[in-house]
């Protein structure tokens, strides 16, 4: 259990929000490699979608390489501006956490998103964000609601 917590902390530090100045921290210390019990295969490459209540979400997972996830994420929510972009993050057990870089009304933005795999569906998590609205204050305080579950589907052409 301690190994999972340490691995989660390391990965979250890797994926965590960067300063706006994009500072790079260099270290000369070796990085300890910790054995992980990842859930490769739990999240399949392909599309996960939600369609209902005049809203739709499409999460296309394009790469699941050693628990590093890449894909495309599009939100078309009722009475809100659509936004479309890319996702890069990690898969730890049944949690997908990463950065969503998107375009909305011609402006590029970035924010953290989190999903939990429940019964072969992705359930998005919501929780307190930092003052800029970019990162979760604490991922332990995220609530996963099933109001818009994403189910595995065929990808649109």
N, C-alpha and C. Protein backbone atom coordinates (compact mmCIF):
# COMPACT_ATOMS: atom_id res chain seq x y z
N UNK A 1 0.83 -1.19 0.00
CA UNK A 1 0.00 0.00 0.00
C UNK A 1 0.87 1.25 0.00
N UNK A 2 1.98 1.23 0.79
CA UNK A 2 2.86 2.38 0.83
C UNK A 2 3.48 2.64 -0.54
N UNK A 3 3.80 1.56 -1.26
CA UNK A 3 4.39 1.71 -2.59
C UNK A 3 3.42 2.42 -3.53
N UNK A 4 2.13 2.07 -3.43
CA UNK A 4 1.13 2.71 -4.28
C UNK A 4 1.02 4.20 -3.95
N UNK A 5 1.05 4.53 -2.68
CA UNK A 5 0.95 5.92 -2.27
C UNK A 5 2.16 6.70 -2.76
N UNK A 6 3.35 6.12 -2.61
CA UNK A 6 4.58 6.79 -3.07
C UNK A 6 4.54 6.95 -4.59
N UNK A 7 4.12 5.90 -5.30
CA UNK A 7 4.03 5.97 -6.75
C UNK A 7 3.02 7.03 -7.18
N UNK A 8 1.87 7.06 -6.52
CA UNK A 8 0.86 8.06 -6.82
C UNK A 8 1.40 9.47 -6.60
N UNK A 9 2.12 9.67 -5.50
CA UNK A 9 2.69 10.99 -5.21
C UNK A 9 3.71 11.39 -6.27
N UNK A 10 4.55 10.45 -6.69
CA UNK A 10 5.53 10.75 -7.72
C UNK A 10 4.87 11.08 -9.05
N UNK A 11 3.87 10.31 -9.42
CA UNK A 11 3.20 10.55 -10.69
C UNK A 11 2.43 11.86 -10.64
N UNK A 12 1.75 12.13 -9.53
CA UNK A 12 1.02 13.39 -9.42
C UNK A 12 1.97 14.58 -9.46
N UNK A 13 3.15 14.42 -8.87
CA UNK A 13 4.14 15.50 -8.95
C UNK A 13 4.58 15.70 -10.39
N UNK A 14 4.71 14.61 -11.12
CA UNK A 14 5.11 14.68 -12.53
C UNK A 14 4.04 15.36 -13.36
N UNK A 15 2.79 15.05 -13.10
CA UNK A 15 1.69 15.55 -13.90
C UNK A 15 1.16 16.89 -13.36
N UNK A 16 1.56 17.23 -12.15
CA UNK A 16 0.98 18.40 -11.48
C UNK A 16 1.15 19.67 -12.28
N UNK A 17 0.39 20.63 -11.88
CA UNK A 17 0.40 21.92 -12.58
C UNK A 17 1.78 22.54 -12.56
N UNK A 18 2.12 23.17 -13.65
CA UNK A 18 3.41 23.83 -13.78
C UNK A 18 3.20 25.32 -13.57
N UNK A 19 4.26 26.01 -13.11
CA UNK A 19 4.19 27.46 -13.01
C UNK A 19 3.99 28.04 -14.39
N UNK A 20 3.37 29.20 -14.45
CA UNK A 20 3.13 29.84 -15.73
C UNK A 20 4.42 30.14 -16.46
N UNK A 21 5.52 30.28 -15.72
CA UNK A 21 6.80 30.57 -16.36
C UNK A 21 7.45 29.31 -16.90
N UNK A 22 6.80 28.14 -16.67
CA UNK A 22 7.31 26.86 -17.17
C UNK A 22 8.75 26.61 -16.74
N UNK A 23 9.02 26.82 -15.44
CA UNK A 23 10.35 26.58 -14.92
C UNK A 23 10.68 25.10 -15.01
N UNK A 24 11.95 24.80 -15.23
CA UNK A 24 12.41 23.42 -15.26
C UNK A 24 13.31 23.21 -14.06
N UNK A 25 13.03 22.15 -13.31
CA UNK A 25 13.84 21.83 -12.15
C UNK A 25 14.74 20.68 -12.53
N UNK A 26 16.04 20.87 -12.35
CA UNK A 26 17.00 19.82 -12.68
C UNK A 26 17.46 19.17 -11.38
N UNK A 27 17.62 17.86 -11.43
CA UNK A 27 18.08 17.14 -10.27
C UNK A 27 19.18 16.18 -10.70
N UNK A 28 20.13 15.98 -9.81
CA UNK A 28 21.20 15.05 -10.11
C UNK A 28 21.03 13.76 -9.33
N UNK A 29 20.00 13.72 -8.47
CA UNK A 29 19.76 12.51 -7.68
C UNK A 29 19.08 11.46 -8.54
N UNK A 30 19.44 10.19 -8.36
CA UNK A 30 18.78 9.14 -9.13
C UNK A 30 17.33 8.99 -8.67
N UNK A 31 16.47 8.62 -9.60
CA UNK A 31 15.07 8.42 -9.28
C UNK A 31 14.87 6.95 -8.94
N UNK A 32 14.23 6.70 -7.80
CA UNK A 32 13.96 5.34 -7.38
C UNK A 32 12.78 4.79 -8.17
N UNK A 33 12.96 3.64 -8.78
CA UNK A 33 11.89 3.01 -9.53
C UNK A 33 11.15 2.08 -8.59
N UNK A 34 9.84 2.30 -8.51
CA UNK A 34 9.01 1.54 -7.59
C UNK A 34 8.10 0.63 -8.39
N UNK A 35 8.04 -0.62 -7.97
CA UNK A 35 7.17 -1.57 -8.66
C UNK A 35 5.73 -1.15 -8.48
N UNK A 36 4.98 -1.20 -9.55
CA UNK A 36 3.59 -0.76 -9.52
C UNK A 36 2.67 -1.89 -9.95
N UNK A 37 1.51 -1.89 -9.35
CA UNK A 37 0.47 -2.82 -9.78
C UNK A 37 -0.53 -2.00 -10.58
N UNK A 38 -0.14 -1.62 -11.78
CA UNK A 38 -0.99 -0.76 -12.60
C UNK A 38 -2.13 -1.57 -13.18
N UNK A 39 -3.07 -0.85 -13.75
CA UNK A 39 -4.26 -1.47 -14.30
C UNK A 39 -4.25 -1.42 -15.81
N UNK A 40 -3.11 -1.70 -16.42
CA UNK A 40 -3.06 -1.71 -17.87
C UNK A 40 -4.13 -2.66 -18.37
N UNK A 41 -4.82 -2.26 -19.38
CA UNK A 41 -5.88 -3.08 -19.91
C UNK A 41 -7.23 -2.71 -19.35
N UNK A 42 -7.29 -2.10 -18.16
CA UNK A 42 -8.56 -1.69 -17.60
C UNK A 42 -9.17 -0.59 -18.46
N UNK A 43 -8.34 0.35 -18.90
CA UNK A 43 -8.77 1.41 -19.79
C UNK A 43 -8.29 1.03 -21.19
N UNK A 44 -9.24 0.75 -22.06
CA UNK A 44 -8.90 0.31 -23.40
C UNK A 44 -8.71 1.48 -24.34
N UNK A 45 -7.86 1.28 -25.35
CA UNK A 45 -7.75 2.27 -26.41
C UNK A 45 -9.06 2.25 -27.18
N UNK A 46 -9.57 3.44 -27.48
CA UNK A 46 -10.84 3.56 -28.18
C UNK A 46 -11.63 4.72 -27.61
N UNK A 47 -12.93 4.73 -27.88
CA UNK A 47 -13.76 5.87 -27.50
C UNK A 47 -14.70 5.54 -26.34
N UNK A 48 -14.85 6.54 -25.49
CA UNK A 48 -15.78 6.50 -24.37
C UNK A 48 -16.68 7.73 -24.56
N UNK A 49 -17.99 7.52 -24.58
CA UNK A 49 -18.88 8.63 -24.88
C UNK A 49 -20.06 8.71 -23.92
N UNK A 50 -20.59 9.92 -23.84
CA UNK A 50 -21.85 10.18 -23.16
C UNK A 50 -22.69 11.02 -24.11
N UNK A 51 -23.95 10.66 -24.27
CA UNK A 51 -24.91 11.44 -25.05
C UNK A 51 -26.23 11.46 -24.31
N UNK A 52 -26.68 12.64 -23.94
CA UNK A 52 -27.95 12.76 -23.26
C UNK A 52 -28.19 14.18 -22.79
N UNK A 53 -29.47 14.52 -22.57
CA UNK A 53 -29.84 15.83 -22.06
C UNK A 53 -29.21 16.97 -22.86
N UNK A 54 -29.18 16.84 -24.18
CA UNK A 54 -28.60 17.84 -25.09
C UNK A 54 -27.12 18.08 -24.84
N UNK A 55 -26.44 17.13 -24.24
CA UNK A 55 -24.99 17.22 -23.99
C UNK A 55 -24.31 15.98 -24.52
N UNK A 56 -23.03 16.14 -24.87
CA UNK A 56 -22.25 14.97 -25.26
C UNK A 56 -20.80 15.18 -24.84
N UNK A 57 -20.16 14.07 -24.51
CA UNK A 57 -18.74 14.06 -24.16
C UNK A 57 -18.12 12.90 -24.94
N UNK A 58 -16.96 13.15 -25.53
CA UNK A 58 -16.22 12.11 -26.24
C UNK A 58 -14.79 12.11 -25.73
N UNK A 59 -14.36 10.98 -25.20
CA UNK A 59 -12.98 10.80 -24.76
C UNK A 59 -12.41 9.67 -25.59
N UNK A 60 -11.52 10.02 -26.53
CA UNK A 60 -10.89 9.01 -27.37
C UNK A 60 -9.50 8.73 -26.82
N UNK A 61 -9.30 7.55 -26.26
CA UNK A 61 -8.00 7.13 -25.74
C UNK A 61 -7.20 6.62 -26.93
N UNK A 62 -6.10 7.31 -27.24
CA UNK A 62 -5.29 6.93 -28.40
C UNK A 62 -4.03 6.17 -28.02
N UNK A 63 -3.62 6.26 -26.75
CA UNK A 63 -2.40 5.59 -26.31
C UNK A 63 -2.52 5.25 -24.83
N UNK A 64 -2.22 4.01 -24.50
CA UNK A 64 -2.17 3.54 -23.11
C UNK A 64 -0.87 2.76 -22.97
N UNK A 65 0.22 3.50 -22.75
CA UNK A 65 1.56 2.93 -22.73
C UNK A 65 2.12 2.97 -21.31
N UNK A 66 2.21 1.82 -20.66
CA UNK A 66 2.73 1.74 -19.30
C UNK A 66 2.02 2.69 -18.36
N UNK A 67 0.70 2.75 -18.45
CA UNK A 67 -0.17 3.56 -17.62
C UNK A 67 -0.10 5.06 -17.91
N UNK A 68 0.62 5.46 -18.95
CA UNK A 68 0.57 6.85 -19.41
C UNK A 68 -0.48 6.91 -20.51
N UNK A 69 -1.45 7.79 -20.35
CA UNK A 69 -2.60 7.85 -21.22
C UNK A 69 -2.55 9.12 -22.07
N UNK A 70 -2.86 8.97 -23.35
CA UNK A 70 -3.00 10.11 -24.25
C UNK A 70 -4.31 9.95 -25.01
N UNK A 71 -4.88 11.09 -25.38
CA UNK A 71 -6.10 11.02 -26.16
C UNK A 71 -6.67 12.38 -26.48
N UNK A 72 -7.90 12.36 -26.96
CA UNK A 72 -8.64 13.57 -27.32
C UNK A 72 -9.90 13.60 -26.47
N UNK A 73 -10.25 14.80 -26.00
CA UNK A 73 -11.41 14.95 -25.13
C UNK A 73 -12.23 16.13 -25.64
N UNK A 74 -13.51 15.89 -25.86
CA UNK A 74 -14.41 16.92 -26.38
C UNK A 74 -15.65 17.01 -25.51
N UNK A 75 -16.01 18.22 -25.11
CA UNK A 75 -17.22 18.47 -24.34
C UNK A 75 -18.16 19.35 -25.16
N UNK A 76 -19.39 18.93 -25.28
CA UNK A 76 -20.46 19.73 -25.88
C UNK A 76 -21.61 19.69 -24.88
N UNK A 77 -21.55 20.58 -23.89
CA UNK A 77 -22.54 20.58 -22.82
C UNK A 77 -23.65 21.57 -23.13
N UNK A 78 -24.87 21.20 -22.79
CA UNK A 78 -26.05 22.03 -23.07
C UNK A 78 -25.85 23.42 -22.48
N UNK A 79 -26.14 24.42 -23.29
CA UNK A 79 -26.11 25.82 -22.90
C UNK A 79 -24.73 26.31 -22.45
N UNK A 80 -23.67 25.61 -22.88
CA UNK A 80 -22.30 26.04 -22.60
C UNK A 80 -21.51 25.99 -23.88
N UNK A 81 -20.38 26.73 -23.92
CA UNK A 81 -19.52 26.70 -25.09
C UNK A 81 -18.84 25.34 -25.19
N UNK A 82 -18.78 24.83 -26.39
CA UNK A 82 -18.09 23.56 -26.63
C UNK A 82 -16.59 23.77 -26.45
N UNK A 83 -15.90 22.74 -25.99
CA UNK A 83 -14.44 22.79 -25.94
C UNK A 83 -13.88 21.44 -26.34
N UNK A 84 -12.78 21.50 -27.10
CA UNK A 84 -12.16 20.31 -27.65
C UNK A 84 -10.66 20.41 -27.47
N UNK A 85 -10.03 19.27 -27.13
CA UNK A 85 -8.59 19.32 -26.95
C UNK A 85 -7.96 17.97 -26.74
N UNK A 86 -6.78 18.00 -26.14
CA UNK A 86 -6.01 16.79 -25.92
C UNK A 86 -5.91 16.48 -24.43
N UNK A 87 -5.69 15.21 -24.15
CA UNK A 87 -5.54 14.74 -22.78
C UNK A 87 -4.22 13.99 -22.67
N UNK A 88 -3.46 14.28 -21.62
CA UNK A 88 -2.26 13.51 -21.28
C UNK A 88 -2.27 13.30 -19.78
N UNK A 89 -2.16 12.04 -19.37
CA UNK A 89 -2.20 11.76 -17.95
C UNK A 89 -1.72 10.37 -17.62
N UNK A 90 -2.16 9.91 -16.46
CA UNK A 90 -1.74 8.61 -15.96
C UNK A 90 -2.96 7.79 -15.52
N UNK A 91 -2.76 6.48 -15.53
CA UNK A 91 -3.76 5.54 -15.04
C UNK A 91 -3.16 4.85 -13.83
N UNK A 92 -3.80 5.02 -12.68
CA UNK A 92 -3.37 4.34 -11.46
C UNK A 92 -4.58 3.60 -10.91
N UNK A 93 -4.46 2.28 -10.89
CA UNK A 93 -5.57 1.42 -10.51
C UNK A 93 -6.77 1.76 -11.39
N UNK A 94 -7.83 2.33 -10.84
CA UNK A 94 -9.01 2.64 -11.64
C UNK A 94 -9.20 4.14 -11.83
N UNK A 95 -8.16 4.94 -11.57
CA UNK A 95 -8.23 6.40 -11.67
C UNK A 95 -7.40 6.89 -12.86
N UNK A 96 -8.01 7.74 -13.68
CA UNK A 96 -7.32 8.40 -14.79
C UNK A 96 -7.23 9.88 -14.42
N UNK A 97 -6.00 10.39 -14.30
CA UNK A 97 -5.78 11.79 -13.90
C UNK A 97 -4.81 12.42 -14.88
N UNK A 98 -5.16 13.60 -15.37
CA UNK A 98 -4.25 14.25 -16.30
C UNK A 98 -4.64 15.66 -16.65
N UNK A 99 -3.89 16.21 -17.60
CA UNK A 99 -4.10 17.58 -18.05
C UNK A 99 -4.89 17.57 -19.35
N UNK A 100 -5.90 18.41 -19.39
CA UNK A 100 -6.74 18.60 -20.57
C UNK A 100 -6.41 19.97 -21.14
N UNK A 101 -5.79 20.01 -22.30
CA UNK A 101 -5.46 21.25 -23.00
C UNK A 101 -6.48 21.41 -24.11
N UNK A 102 -7.23 22.50 -24.06
CA UNK A 102 -8.38 22.62 -24.96
C UNK A 102 -8.55 24.02 -25.54
N UNK A 103 -9.35 24.06 -26.59
CA UNK A 103 -9.72 25.31 -27.26
C UNK A 103 -11.21 25.55 -26.99
N UNK A 104 -11.53 26.78 -26.61
CA UNK A 104 -12.92 27.18 -26.46
C UNK A 104 -13.00 28.64 -26.86
N UNK A 105 -13.83 28.93 -27.82
CA UNK A 105 -13.99 30.29 -28.34
C UNK A 105 -12.65 30.89 -28.77
N UNK A 106 -11.79 30.08 -29.36
CA UNK A 106 -10.51 30.56 -29.88
C UNK A 106 -9.42 30.77 -28.85
N UNK A 107 -9.69 30.41 -27.60
CA UNK A 107 -8.71 30.58 -26.52
C UNK A 107 -8.24 29.20 -26.07
N UNK A 108 -6.92 29.04 -25.94
CA UNK A 108 -6.36 27.79 -25.45
C UNK A 108 -6.24 27.85 -23.93
N UNK A 109 -6.74 26.82 -23.26
CA UNK A 109 -6.70 26.74 -21.80
C UNK A 109 -6.25 25.34 -21.40
N UNK A 110 -5.96 25.20 -20.11
CA UNK A 110 -5.52 23.91 -19.58
C UNK A 110 -6.12 23.74 -18.19
N UNK A 111 -6.57 22.52 -17.91
CA UNK A 111 -7.06 22.21 -16.56
C UNK A 111 -6.90 20.72 -16.31
N UNK A 112 -6.89 20.38 -15.05
CA UNK A 112 -6.78 18.98 -14.65
C UNK A 112 -8.16 18.34 -14.72
N UNK A 113 -8.22 17.10 -15.18
CA UNK A 113 -9.46 16.32 -15.16
C UNK A 113 -9.15 14.96 -14.56
N UNK A 114 -10.17 14.36 -13.98
CA UNK A 114 -10.00 13.06 -13.34
C UNK A 114 -11.23 12.21 -13.62
N UNK A 115 -11.01 10.94 -13.90
CA UNK A 115 -12.07 9.98 -14.13
C UNK A 115 -11.80 8.74 -13.29
N UNK A 116 -12.86 8.05 -12.95
CA UNK A 116 -12.75 6.77 -12.25
C UNK A 116 -13.48 5.72 -13.09
N UNK A 117 -12.83 4.58 -13.27
CA UNK A 117 -13.43 3.48 -14.02
C UNK A 117 -14.33 2.69 -13.07
N UNK A 118 -15.63 2.68 -13.37
CA UNK A 118 -16.61 1.96 -12.56
C UNK A 118 -17.49 1.16 -13.50
N UNK A 119 -17.48 -0.15 -13.35
CA UNK A 119 -18.31 -1.03 -14.19
C UNK A 119 -18.13 -0.73 -15.67
N UNK A 120 -16.89 -0.62 -16.12
CA UNK A 120 -16.53 -0.39 -17.52
C UNK A 120 -17.02 0.96 -18.06
N UNK A 121 -17.28 1.90 -17.16
CA UNK A 121 -17.64 3.26 -17.54
C UNK A 121 -16.67 4.22 -16.88
N UNK A 122 -16.43 5.37 -17.52
CA UNK A 122 -15.62 6.43 -16.93
C UNK A 122 -16.55 7.44 -16.29
N UNK A 123 -16.34 7.69 -15.00
CA UNK A 123 -17.14 8.65 -14.24
C UNK A 123 -16.23 9.83 -13.92
N UNK A 124 -16.62 11.03 -14.34
CA UNK A 124 -15.79 12.20 -14.11
C UNK A 124 -15.88 12.65 -12.66
N UNK A 125 -14.74 13.12 -12.14
CA UNK A 125 -14.68 13.60 -10.77
C UNK A 125 -14.66 15.11 -10.71
N UNK A 126 -15.25 15.64 -9.64
CA UNK A 126 -15.30 17.08 -9.42
C UNK A 126 -14.87 17.37 -7.99
N UNK A 127 -14.17 18.48 -7.82
CA UNK A 127 -13.73 18.86 -6.49
C UNK A 127 -13.16 20.26 -6.50
N UNK A 128 -12.75 20.72 -5.32
CA UNK A 128 -12.20 22.07 -5.21
C UNK A 128 -10.95 22.22 -6.09
N UNK A 129 -10.91 23.36 -6.81
CA UNK A 129 -9.78 23.66 -7.69
C UNK A 129 -8.96 24.79 -7.06
N UNK A 130 -7.72 24.94 -7.53
CA UNK A 130 -6.88 26.03 -7.05
C UNK A 130 -7.49 27.37 -7.47
N UNK A 131 -6.88 28.44 -7.03
CA UNK A 131 -7.46 29.77 -7.29
C UNK A 131 -7.52 30.11 -8.78
N UNK A 132 -6.69 29.48 -9.59
CA UNK A 132 -6.73 29.70 -11.04
C UNK A 132 -7.72 28.78 -11.74
N UNK A 133 -8.28 27.81 -11.01
CA UNK A 133 -9.22 26.86 -11.60
C UNK A 133 -8.57 25.86 -12.53
N UNK A 134 -7.27 25.59 -12.31
CA UNK A 134 -6.53 24.72 -13.21
C UNK A 134 -6.29 23.34 -12.61
N UNK A 135 -5.95 23.27 -11.34
CA UNK A 135 -5.60 22.00 -10.68
C UNK A 135 -6.52 21.74 -9.50
N UNK A 136 -6.72 20.47 -9.21
CA UNK A 136 -7.45 20.10 -8.02
C UNK A 136 -6.62 20.47 -6.80
N UNK A 137 -7.27 20.99 -5.77
CA UNK A 137 -6.58 21.33 -4.53
C UNK A 137 -6.07 20.04 -3.90
N UNK A 138 -6.92 19.00 -3.88
CA UNK A 138 -6.55 17.72 -3.30
C UNK A 138 -7.38 16.65 -3.99
N UNK A 139 -6.73 15.74 -4.70
CA UNK A 139 -7.49 14.71 -5.41
C UNK A 139 -8.19 13.73 -4.47
N UNK A 140 -7.82 13.74 -3.18
CA UNK A 140 -8.52 12.89 -2.21
C UNK A 140 -9.93 13.41 -1.92
N UNK A 141 -10.19 14.67 -2.26
CA UNK A 141 -11.49 15.28 -2.00
C UNK A 141 -12.35 15.41 -3.25
N UNK A 142 -12.05 14.62 -4.25
CA UNK A 142 -12.81 14.63 -5.49
C UNK A 142 -14.02 13.71 -5.33
N UNK A 143 -15.16 14.15 -5.86
CA UNK A 143 -16.38 13.36 -5.84
C UNK A 143 -16.67 12.90 -7.25
N UNK A 144 -16.93 11.62 -7.42
CA UNK A 144 -17.23 11.05 -8.73
C UNK A 144 -18.74 10.87 -8.82
N UNK A 145 -19.36 11.57 -9.80
CA UNK A 145 -20.81 11.48 -9.96
C UNK A 145 -21.11 10.78 -11.27
N UNK A 146 -22.17 10.02 -11.28
CA UNK A 146 -22.50 9.25 -12.48
C UNK A 146 -23.58 9.92 -13.31
N UNK A 147 -23.70 11.26 -13.24
CA UNK A 147 -24.74 11.94 -14.00
C UNK A 147 -24.45 11.92 -15.50
N UNK A 148 -23.18 11.82 -15.88
CA UNK A 148 -22.82 11.73 -17.30
C UNK A 148 -21.73 10.67 -17.48
N UNK A 149 -22.07 9.38 -17.28
CA UNK A 149 -21.05 8.32 -17.42
C UNK A 149 -20.66 8.12 -18.88
N UNK A 150 -19.37 7.93 -19.10
CA UNK A 150 -18.86 7.67 -20.44
C UNK A 150 -18.74 6.17 -20.63
N UNK A 151 -19.39 5.65 -21.65
CA UNK A 151 -19.38 4.22 -21.93
C UNK A 151 -18.55 3.93 -23.17
N UNK A 152 -17.92 2.78 -23.20
CA UNK A 152 -17.09 2.36 -24.35
C UNK A 152 -17.99 2.21 -25.56
N UNK A 153 -17.61 2.88 -26.66
CA UNK A 153 -18.37 2.82 -27.89
C UNK A 153 -17.42 2.75 -29.08
N UNK A 154 -17.97 2.57 -30.25
CA UNK A 154 -17.17 2.68 -31.46
C UNK A 154 -16.86 4.15 -31.68
N UNK A 155 -15.66 4.41 -32.18
CA UNK A 155 -15.26 5.79 -32.44
C UNK A 155 -15.97 6.30 -33.69
N UNK A 156 -16.43 7.56 -33.65
CA UNK A 156 -17.04 8.14 -34.86
C UNK A 156 -15.97 8.32 -35.92
N UNK A 157 -16.37 8.24 -37.17
CA UNK A 157 -15.41 8.37 -38.27
C UNK A 157 -15.30 9.79 -38.73
